[in-house]
Amino acid sequence: MLLEFRRLTPVELLTLPLVSTNLPLVQTNHHAQLNALGDATRRGILSRLLNGPLPVGELAKEFPVSRPAISQHLKILYEAKLVVDVPSGNRRLYQLNREGVDSLRDFCDHFWTQALAAFKEKVEQEK
C-alpha cells in the first residue's frame, strides 16, 4: 500500500482521529474538548479550577446556575477529559486533567505554528 503525504486543510485536520504524543496509540477526542469549551459556564468552571480542586457545591456558589446544572457541566468536561474527579471523604473534588488540557493545547499549537509559518512566508515574500 502506497501512502500519500500532503498538507491537510484545517477542515481535514479537524476530522482526523488524533493520537497524543504523550499517550502513544491513545485516540484523543478534540471535538468533545472543543465543544465543551463552547459554553461560557464550562470555561468559567475551568478557569476556577486553575486555583485548585473544588467540590460541586463550592463551584455552584460562584455561578448563577443550580448545583445540578454545574454537575451536568462537570460531566461534559469529564467526558471531554478536561477535568477529573478525586474522592475526598464523602464528596468528590474536581480538578483540571493535566493530560487532557495538554492534549488540547498541543492540538491548538499545531494551528498556531502553521499560522506563524504562513505569516513568516508572507513577510519574506514582501521583502
Protein backbone atom coordinates (compact mmCIF):
# COMPACT_ATOMS: atom_id res chain seq x y z
CA MET A 1 0.00 0.00 0.00
CA LEU A 2 1.43 3.36 -1.07
CA LEU A 3 0.90 6.23 1.36
CA GLU A 4 0.37 9.71 0.04
CA PHE A 5 1.72 12.57 2.13
CA ARG A 6 0.29 16.02 1.60
CA ARG A 7 -0.58 19.09 3.64
CA LEU A 8 -4.06 18.73 5.12
CA THR A 9 -6.59 21.52 5.21
CA PRO A 10 -7.84 22.71 8.62
CA VAL A 11 -11.20 21.02 7.98
CA GLU A 12 -9.47 17.72 7.19
CA LEU A 13 -7.36 18.06 10.33
CA LEU A 14 -10.45 18.53 12.48
CA THR A 15 -11.99 15.33 11.15
CA LEU A 16 -8.93 13.14 11.74
CA PRO A 17 -8.65 10.99 14.83
CA LEU A 18 -5.51 12.23 16.54
CA VAL A 19 -3.01 10.45 18.75
CA SER A 20 -1.36 12.36 21.55
CA THR A 21 2.43 12.34 21.55
CA ASN A 22 2.31 11.96 25.33
CA LEU A 23 -0.05 9.00 25.17
CA PRO A 24 1.09 6.84 22.24
CA LEU A 25 -1.65 4.90 20.47
CA VAL A 26 -4.40 6.58 22.52
CA GLN A 27 -7.02 8.28 20.40
CA THR A 28 -7.99 11.70 21.68
CA ASN A 29 -11.29 13.43 21.15
CA HIS A 30 -10.63 17.07 20.37
CA HIS A 31 -14.17 17.53 19.06
CA ALA A 32 -15.56 16.85 22.55
CA GLN A 33 -12.96 19.14 24.11
CA LEU A 34 -13.67 22.00 21.71
CA ASN A 35 -17.42 21.52 22.13
CA ALA A 36 -17.00 21.57 25.92
CA LEU A 37 -15.18 24.89 25.67
CA GLY A 38 -18.04 26.33 23.62
CA ASP A 39 -20.06 27.09 26.75
CA ALA A 40 -19.23 30.12 28.91
CA THR A 41 -20.13 28.35 32.16
CA ARG A 42 -17.80 25.45 31.38
CA ARG A 43 -14.99 27.87 30.50
CA GLY A 44 -15.66 29.60 33.81
CA ILE A 45 -15.50 26.30 35.68
CA LEU A 46 -12.16 25.50 34.07
CA SER A 47 -10.87 28.96 34.97
CA ARG A 48 -11.99 28.50 38.56
CA LEU A 49 -10.31 25.09 38.77
CA LEU A 50 -6.99 26.72 37.83
CA ASN A 51 -6.79 27.71 41.51
CA GLY A 52 -7.13 24.12 42.69
CA PRO A 53 -9.66 21.32 43.20
CA LEU A 54 -13.19 22.10 44.37
CA PRO A 55 -16.37 20.16 45.15
CA VAL A 56 -19.55 20.78 43.13
CA GLY A 57 -21.14 22.78 45.95
CA GLU A 58 -18.29 25.29 46.09
CA LEU A 59 -18.33 25.69 42.31
CA ALA A 60 -22.11 26.19 42.28
CA LYS A 61 -21.82 29.12 44.71
CA GLU A 62 -19.81 31.05 42.13
CA PHE A 63 -22.17 30.68 39.15
CA PRO A 64 -25.73 31.86 38.53
CA VAL A 65 -26.90 28.29 37.84
CA SER A 66 -28.06 25.47 40.08
CA ARG A 67 -25.86 22.80 41.61
CA PRO A 68 -27.38 20.10 39.31
CA ALA A 69 -26.56 22.32 36.33
CA ILE A 70 -22.93 22.58 37.50
CA SER A 71 -22.87 18.79 37.83
CA GLN A 72 -24.05 18.46 34.24
CA HIS A 73 -21.36 20.86 33.06
CA LEU A 74 -18.74 18.90 35.02
CA LYS A 75 -19.96 15.68 33.41
CA ILE A 76 -19.35 17.18 29.95
CA LEU A 77 -15.91 18.42 30.99
CA TYR A 78 -15.14 14.99 32.47
CA GLU A 79 -16.22 13.18 29.30
CA ALA A 80 -14.03 15.58 27.29
CA LYS A 81 -11.15 14.61 29.60
CA LEU A 82 -10.63 18.21 30.71
CA VAL A 83 -11.37 17.52 34.40
CA VAL A 84 -11.02 14.55 36.73
CA ASP A 85 -12.80 13.82 39.97
CA VAL A 86 -10.97 12.64 43.05
CA PRO A 87 -12.74 11.10 46.06
CA SER A 88 -12.24 13.06 49.26
CA GLY A 89 -14.19 11.63 52.17
CA ASN A 90 -17.86 11.57 51.25
CA ARG A 91 -17.54 14.03 48.37
CA ARG A 92 -15.69 14.34 45.10
CA LEU A 93 -13.27 17.10 44.26
CA TYR A 94 -12.97 18.21 40.65
CA GLN A 95 -9.66 19.36 39.24
CA LEU A 96 -8.13 20.03 35.86
CA ASN A 97 -6.93 16.96 33.98
CA ARG A 98 -3.42 17.97 33.01
CA GLU A 99 -3.13 15.35 30.26
CA GLY A 100 -6.41 16.42 28.65
CA VAL A 101 -5.55 20.11 28.79
CA ASP A 102 -2.05 19.43 27.43
CA SER A 103 -3.53 17.38 24.59
CA LEU A 104 -5.88 20.23 23.68
CA ARG A 105 -3.04 22.73 23.86
CA ASP A 106 -0.91 20.59 21.54
CA PHE A 107 -3.83 20.41 19.11
CA CYS A 108 -4.24 24.22 19.13
CA ASP A 109 -0.48 24.79 18.94
CA HIS A 110 -0.45 22.93 15.64
CA PHE A 111 -2.70 25.61 14.11
CA TRP A 112 -0.73 28.43 15.73
CA THR A 113 2.52 27.03 14.32
CA GLN A 114 1.00 26.83 10.85
CA ALA A 115 -0.32 30.38 11.11
CA LEU A 116 3.07 31.73 12.19
CA ALA A 117 4.83 29.86 9.38
CA ALA A 118 2.37 31.29 6.83
CA PHE A 119 2.85 34.79 8.28
CA LYS A 120 6.64 34.44 8.10
CA GLU A 121 6.43 33.22 4.50
CA LYS A 122 4.22 36.18 3.53
CA VAL A 123 6.53 38.71 5.17
CA GLU A 124 9.58 37.20 3.47
CA GLN A 125 7.82 37.33 0.09
CA GLU A 126 7.06 41.03 0.54
CA LYS A 127 10.72 41.87 1.23
